């Protein structure tokens, strides 16, 4: 999303026996509502189905997007995991 910068140093990526686990972060001076609207709009274009709030599912995987404010920045945390993981 325009206005977000990926924090590549904080990225975690590894495979588990039941699927991959990826955690990535981005941050920026963006409005929470704009981030929510952007991902709800764009994720279905990539085959992700909205499960609830900012939780998407596709091909046995779940993508959870967490938003938190830190000073003037919005921190966006992306967690990809097998559908059965929490």
C-alpha atoms as a PDB file:
ATOM      1  CA  UNK A   1       0.000   0.000   0.000  1.00  0.00           C
ATOM      2  CA  UNK A   2       1.287   3.463  -0.830  1.00  0.00           C
ATOM      3  CA  UNK A   3       2.502   5.199   2.303  1.00  0.00           C
ATOM      4  CA  UNK A   4       3.705   2.006   3.999  1.00  0.00           C
ATOM      5  CA  UNK A   5       7.352   0.982   4.267  1.00  0.00           C
ATOM      6  CA  UNK A   6       8.273  -2.668   4.808  1.00  0.00           C
ATOM      7  CA  UNK A   7      10.488  -3.419   7.808  1.00  0.00           C
ATOM      8  CA  UNK A   8      12.564  -6.184   6.207  1.00  0.00           C
ATOM      9  CA  UNK A   9      14.710  -6.652   9.320  1.00  0.00           C
ATOM     10  CA  UNK A  10      11.661  -7.805  11.297  1.00  0.00           C
ATOM     11  CA  UNK A  11      10.466 -10.406   8.761  1.00  0.00           C
ATOM     12  CA  UNK A  12      10.225 -14.033   9.887  1.00  0.00           C
ATOM     13  CA  UNK A  13       9.813 -16.820   7.352  1.00  0.00           C
ATOM     14  CA  UNK A  14       9.982 -20.570   7.872  1.00  0.00           C
ATOM     15  CA  UNK A  15       8.287 -23.781   6.856  1.00  0.00           C
ATOM     16  CA  UNK A  16       6.467 -26.013   9.305  1.00  0.00           C
ATOM     17  CA  UNK A  17       5.403 -29.597   8.684  1.00  0.00           C
ATOM     18  CA  UNK A  18       1.798 -28.383   8.256  1.00  0.00           C
ATOM     19  CA  UNK A  19       2.664 -25.308   6.138  1.00  0.00           C
ATOM     20  CA  UNK A  20       4.640 -22.108   6.043  1.00  0.00           C
ATOM     21  CA  UNK A  21       4.672 -19.358   8.629  1.00  0.00           C
ATOM     22  CA  UNK A  22       5.522 -15.813   7.610  1.00  0.00           C
ATOM     23  CA  UNK A  23       5.402 -12.678   9.713  1.00  0.00           C
ATOM     24  CA  UNK A  24       6.110  -9.300   8.115  1.00  0.00           C
ATOM     25  CA  UNK A  25       5.794  -5.689   9.213  1.00  0.00           C
ATOM     26  CA  UNK A  26       5.209  -2.350   7.519  1.00  0.00           C
ATOM     27  CA  UNK A  27       4.720   1.121   8.926  1.00  0.00           C
ATOM     28  CA  UNK A  28       3.767   4.583   7.777  1.00  0.00           C
ATOM     29  CA  UNK A  29       1.914   7.787   8.443  1.00  0.00           C
ATOM     30  CA  UNK A  30      -1.353   6.442   7.072  1.00  0.00           C
ATOM     31  CA  UNK A  31      -4.887   6.373   8.410  1.00  0.00           C
ATOM     32  CA  UNK A  32      -6.179   3.124   9.893  1.00  0.00           C
ATOM     33  CA  UNK A  33      -9.426   3.354   7.872  1.00  0.00           C
ATOM     34  CA  UNK A  34      -7.456   3.749   4.628  1.00  0.00           C
ATOM     35  CA  UNK A  35      -5.401   0.612   5.378  1.00  0.00           C
ATOM     36  CA  UNK A  36      -8.526  -1.404   6.200  1.00  0.00           C
ATOM     37  CA  UNK A  37     -10.293  -0.256   3.034  1.00  0.00           C
ATOM     38  CA  UNK A  38      -7.223  -0.929   0.878  1.00  0.00           C
ATOM     39  CA  UNK A  39      -6.683  -4.527   2.019  1.00  0.00           C
ATOM     40  CA  UNK A  40     -10.379  -5.431   2.027  1.00  0.00           C
ATOM     41  CA  UNK A  41     -10.531  -4.180  -1.564  1.00  0.00           C
ATOM     42  CA  UNK A  42      -7.262  -5.564  -2.955  1.00  0.00           C
ATOM     43  CA  UNK A  43      -6.885  -8.979  -1.281  1.00  0.00           C
ATOM     44  CA  UNK A  44      -9.782 -10.648  -3.173  1.00  0.00           C
ATOM     45  CA  UNK A  45      -7.997  -9.697  -6.420  1.00  0.00           C
ATOM     46  CA  UNK A  46      -5.223 -12.091  -5.316  1.00  0.00           C
ATOM     47  CA  UNK A  47      -7.632 -14.910  -4.435  1.00  0.00           C
ATOM     48  CA  UNK A  48      -7.904 -14.148  -0.709  1.00  0.00           C
ATOM     49  CA  UNK A  49     -11.397 -14.416   0.773  1.00  0.00           C
ATOM     50  CA  UNK A  50     -12.334 -12.196   3.705  1.00  0.00           C
ATOM     51  CA  UNK A  51     -13.123 -14.404   6.725  1.00  0.00           C
ATOM     52  CA  UNK A  52     -13.715 -11.573   9.215  1.00  0.00           C
ATOM     53  CA  UNK A  53     -12.249  -8.183  10.067  1.00  0.00           C
ATOM     54  CA  UNK A  54      -8.753  -8.301   8.543  1.00  0.00           C
ATOM     55  CA  UNK A  55      -8.469 -12.089   8.375  1.00  0.00           C
ATOM     56  CA  UNK A  56      -8.283 -13.677   4.929  1.00  0.00           C
ATOM     57  CA  UNK A  57      -8.136 -17.297   3.759  1.00  0.00           C
ATOM     58  CA  UNK A  58      -6.833 -18.937   0.587  1.00  0.00           C
ATOM     59  CA  UNK A  59      -5.675 -22.461  -0.297  1.00  0.00           C
ATOM     60  CA  UNK A  60      -5.476 -23.721   3.295  1.00  0.00           C
ATOM     61  CA  UNK A  61      -3.703 -20.615   4.602  1.00  0.00           C
ATOM     62  CA  UNK A  62      -4.815 -17.725   6.776  1.00  0.00           C
ATOM     63  CA  UNK A  63      -3.515 -14.178   6.509  1.00  0.00           C
ATOM     64  CA  UNK A  64      -4.140 -11.992   9.515  1.00  0.00           C
ATOM     65  CA  UNK A  65      -3.464  -8.264   9.363  1.00  0.00           C
ATOM     66  CA  UNK A  66      -3.017  -6.504  12.697  1.00  0.00           C
ATOM     67  CA  UNK A  67      -2.929  -2.722  13.045  1.00  0.00           C
ATOM     68  CA  UNK A  68      -1.473  -0.755  15.933  1.00  0.00           C
ATOM     69  CA  UNK A  69      -0.590   2.893  16.425  1.00  0.00           C
ATOM     70  CA  UNK A  70       2.914   3.856  17.533  1.00  0.00           C
ATOM     71  CA  UNK A  71       3.372   7.594  17.977  1.00  0.00           C
ATOM     72  CA  UNK A  72       2.410   9.121  14.603  1.00  0.00           C
ATOM     73  CA  UNK A  73       2.958   5.872  12.709  1.00  0.00           C
ATOM     74  CA  UNK A  74       0.600   3.004  12.048  1.00  0.00           C
ATOM     75  CA  UNK A  75       2.286  -0.398  12.380  1.00  0.00           C
ATOM     76  CA  UNK A  76       0.852  -3.119  10.142  1.00  0.00           C
ATOM     77  CA  UNK A  77       1.687  -6.730  11.034  1.00  0.00           C
ATOM     78  CA  UNK A  78       0.998  -9.481   8.508  1.00  0.00           C
ATOM     79  CA  UNK A  79       0.865 -13.077   9.773  1.00  0.00           C
ATOM     80  CA  UNK A  80       0.540 -15.913   7.253  1.00  0.00           C
ATOM     81  CA  UNK A  81      -0.008 -19.393   8.676  1.00  0.00           C
ATOM     82  CA  UNK A  82      -1.630 -22.705   7.873  1.00  0.00           C
ATOM     83  CA  UNK A  83      -5.410 -22.469   8.210  1.00  0.00           C
ATOM     84  CA  UNK A  84      -5.402 -24.697  11.313  1.00  0.00           C
ATOM     85  CA  UNK A  85      -2.830 -22.548  13.202  1.00  0.00           C
ATOM     86  CA  UNK A  86      -3.759 -19.671  15.487  1.00  0.00           C
END
